[in-house]
Amino acid sequence: MNNLGYQLLGYKKIAEAMVVFQRNVELYHASANVYDSLGDGYEADGKLELATKNVQKAVEVGTKIDDPNLGAYKEHLKRLIAKANASVKPGGLAAH
């Protein structure tokens, strides 16, 4: 199911990919990977705050279940935070 979401992202069908990623979270909420993938979808859609929240959830779940991809989720989170901070306009406030 996750692969389908990424295929749809590859075809720039973001709305359809988001439906797949969200359904994947509903079905497999104990998996860290599904939250990371949903974060990728939100990132592709330009919704950095929602992307960050979902990747934070991936780190949280990944920590709890000792996910072997935890390091990748943490790196993804760092990149998202840096991207969000870089997108703040001069004189604007950064979201925390």
C-alpha atoms as a PDB file:
ATOM      1  CA  MET A   1       0.000   0.000   0.000  1.00  0.00           C
ATOM      2  CA  ASN A   2       2.854   2.337   0.862  1.00  0.00           C
ATOM      3  CA  ASN A   3       4.420   1.676  -2.543  1.00  0.00           C
ATOM      4  CA  LEU A   4       1.188   2.738  -4.232  1.00  0.00           C
ATOM      5  CA  GLY A   5       1.282   6.034  -2.348  1.00  0.00           C
ATOM      6  CA  TYR A   6       4.840   6.686  -3.519  1.00  0.00           C
ATOM      7  CA  GLN A   7       3.954   5.735  -7.097  1.00  0.00           C
ATOM      8  CA  LEU A   8       1.132   8.266  -7.013  1.00  0.00           C
ATOM      9  CA  LEU A   9       3.525  10.906  -5.635  1.00  0.00           C
ATOM     10  CA  GLY A  10       5.881  10.096  -8.489  1.00  0.00           C
ATOM     11  CA  TYR A  11       3.073  10.851 -10.940  1.00  0.00           C
ATOM     12  CA  LYS A  12       2.375  14.133  -9.094  1.00  0.00           C
ATOM     13  CA  LYS A  13      -1.023  12.794  -7.979  1.00  0.00           C
ATOM     14  CA  ILE A  14      -0.623  14.224  -4.502  1.00  0.00           C
ATOM     15  CA  ALA A  15      -4.278  14.171  -3.457  1.00  0.00           C
ATOM     16  CA  GLU A  16      -4.595  10.503  -4.389  1.00  0.00           C
ATOM     17  CA  ALA A  17      -1.313   9.664  -2.653  1.00  0.00           C
ATOM     18  CA  MET A  18      -2.525  11.400   0.491  1.00  0.00           C
ATOM     19  CA  VAL A  19      -5.658   9.245   0.567  1.00  0.00           C
ATOM     20  CA  VAL A  20      -3.487   6.129   0.363  1.00  0.00           C
ATOM     21  CA  PHE A  21      -1.034   7.325   3.029  1.00  0.00           C
ATOM     22  CA  GLN A  22      -3.853   8.349   5.381  1.00  0.00           C
ATOM     23  CA  ARG A  23      -5.582   5.000   4.948  1.00  0.00           C
ATOM     24  CA  ASN A  24      -2.283   3.259   5.606  1.00  0.00           C
ATOM     25  CA  VAL A  25      -2.007   5.111   8.939  1.00  0.00           C
ATOM     26  CA  GLU A  26      -5.545   4.041   9.835  1.00  0.00           C
ATOM     27  CA  LEU A  27      -4.761   0.396   9.085  1.00  0.00           C
ATOM     28  CA  TYR A  28      -1.247   0.239  10.536  1.00  0.00           C
ATOM     29  CA  HIS A  29      -1.144   2.907  13.250  1.00  0.00           C
ATOM     30  CA  ALA A  30       1.471   0.935  15.225  1.00  0.00           C
ATOM     31  CA  SER A  31       3.970   1.310  12.362  1.00  0.00           C
ATOM     32  CA  ALA A  32       6.417   4.210  12.398  1.00  0.00           C
ATOM     33  CA  ASN A  33       6.949   3.958   8.648  1.00  0.00           C
ATOM     34  CA  VAL A  34       3.355   4.875   7.787  1.00  0.00           C
ATOM     35  CA  TYR A  35       3.681   8.182   9.650  1.00  0.00           C
ATOM     36  CA  ASP A  36       6.974   8.935   7.920  1.00  0.00           C
ATOM     37  CA  SER A  37       5.333   8.242   4.557  1.00  0.00           C
ATOM     38  CA  LEU A  38       2.373  10.459   5.409  1.00  0.00           C
ATOM     39  CA  GLY A  39       4.929  13.117   6.295  1.00  0.00           C
ATOM     40  CA  ASP A  40       6.475  12.698   2.835  1.00  0.00           C
ATOM     41  CA  GLY A  41       3.054  13.226   1.304  1.00  0.00           C
ATOM     42  CA  TYR A  42       2.412  16.399   3.279  1.00  0.00           C
ATOM     43  CA  GLU A  43       5.895  17.629   2.417  1.00  0.00           C
ATOM     44  CA  ALA A  44       5.207  17.057  -1.291  1.00  0.00           C
ATOM     45  CA  ASP A  45       1.993  19.021  -0.823  1.00  0.00           C
ATOM     46  CA  GLY A  46       3.895  21.925   0.758  1.00  0.00           C
ATOM     47  CA  LYS A  47       2.292  21.389   4.168  1.00  0.00           C
ATOM     48  CA  LEU A  48       5.454  21.443   6.261  1.00  0.00           C
ATOM     49  CA  GLU A  49       3.730  21.751   9.636  1.00  0.00           C
ATOM     50  CA  LEU A  50       1.651  18.613   9.043  1.00  0.00           C
ATOM     51  CA  ALA A  51       4.678  16.854   7.573  1.00  0.00           C
ATOM     52  CA  THR A  52       6.693  17.678  10.678  1.00  0.00           C
ATOM     53  CA  LYS A  53       3.936  16.466  13.024  1.00  0.00           C
ATOM     54  CA  ASN A  54       3.712  13.130  11.244  1.00  0.00           C
ATOM     55  CA  VAL A  55       7.454  12.575  11.115  1.00  0.00           C
ATOM     56  CA  GLN A  56       7.624  13.440  14.822  1.00  0.00           C
ATOM     57  CA  LYS A  57       5.010  10.715  15.320  1.00  0.00           C
ATOM     58  CA  ALA A  58       7.185   8.331  13.283  1.00  0.00           C
ATOM     59  CA  VAL A  59      10.108   9.074  15.623  1.00  0.00           C
ATOM     60  CA  GLU A  60       7.874   8.582  18.668  1.00  0.00           C
ATOM     61  CA  VAL A  61       6.457   5.262  17.451  1.00  0.00           C
ATOM     62  CA  GLY A  62       9.842   4.169  16.115  1.00  0.00           C
ATOM     63  CA  THR A  63      11.443   4.805  19.498  1.00  0.00           C
ATOM     64  CA  LYS A  64       8.721   2.827  21.262  1.00  0.00           C
ATOM     65  CA  ILE A  65       9.013  -0.198  18.983  1.00  0.00           C
ATOM     66  CA  ASP A  66      12.788   0.022  18.432  1.00  0.00           C
ATOM     67  CA  ASP A  67      12.298   0.494  14.681  1.00  0.00           C
ATOM     68  CA  PRO A  68      15.465  -0.188  12.680  1.00  0.00           C
ATOM     69  CA  ASN A  69      14.730   2.915  10.549  1.00  0.00           C
ATOM     70  CA  LEU A  70      14.599   5.269  13.539  1.00  0.00           C
ATOM     71  CA  GLY A  71      17.768   7.063  12.433  1.00  0.00           C
ATOM     72  CA  ALA A  72      16.235   7.792   9.028  1.00  0.00           C
ATOM     73  CA  TYR A  73      13.079   9.177  10.651  1.00  0.00           C
ATOM     74  CA  LYS A  74      15.175  11.448  12.869  1.00  0.00           C
ATOM     75  CA  GLU A  75      17.140  12.703   9.847  1.00  0.00           C
ATOM     76  CA  HIS A  76      13.882  13.329   7.978  1.00  0.00           C
ATOM     77  CA  LEU A  77      12.612  15.329  10.943  1.00  0.00           C
ATOM     78  CA  LYS A  78      15.793  17.432  11.014  1.00  0.00           C
ATOM     79  CA  ARG A  79      15.472  18.175   7.285  1.00  0.00           C
ATOM     80  CA  LEU A  80      11.820  19.178   7.680  1.00  0.00           C
ATOM     81  CA  ILE A  81      12.571  21.511  10.572  1.00  0.00           C
ATOM     82  CA  ALA A  82      15.402  23.133   8.593  1.00  0.00           C
ATOM     83  CA  LYS A  83      13.146  23.453   5.540  1.00  0.00           C
ATOM     84  CA  ALA A  84      10.355  25.009   7.609  1.00  0.00           C
ATOM     85  CA  ASN A  85      12.768  27.469   9.217  1.00  0.00           C
ATOM     86  CA  ALA A  86      14.222  28.399   5.818  1.00  0.00           C
ATOM     87  CA  SER A  87      10.745  29.117   4.478  1.00  0.00           C
ATOM     88  CA  VAL A  88      10.022  31.728   7.154  1.00  0.00           C
ATOM     89  CA  LYS A  89       9.974  35.229   5.646  1.00  0.00           C
ATOM     90  CA  PRO A  90      12.421  37.795   7.042  1.00  0.00           C
ATOM     91  CA  GLY A  91      10.798  39.496  10.002  1.00  0.00           C
ATOM     92  CA  GLY A  92       8.330  36.629  10.374  1.00  0.00           C
ATOM     93  CA  LEU A  93       8.050  34.216  13.249  1.00  0.00           C
ATOM     94  CA  ALA A  94       9.232  30.651  12.985  1.00  0.00           C
ATOM     95  CA  ALA A  95       6.703  28.003  13.941  1.00  0.00           C
ATOM     96  CA  HIS A  96       7.798  25.873  16.879  1.00  0.00           C
END
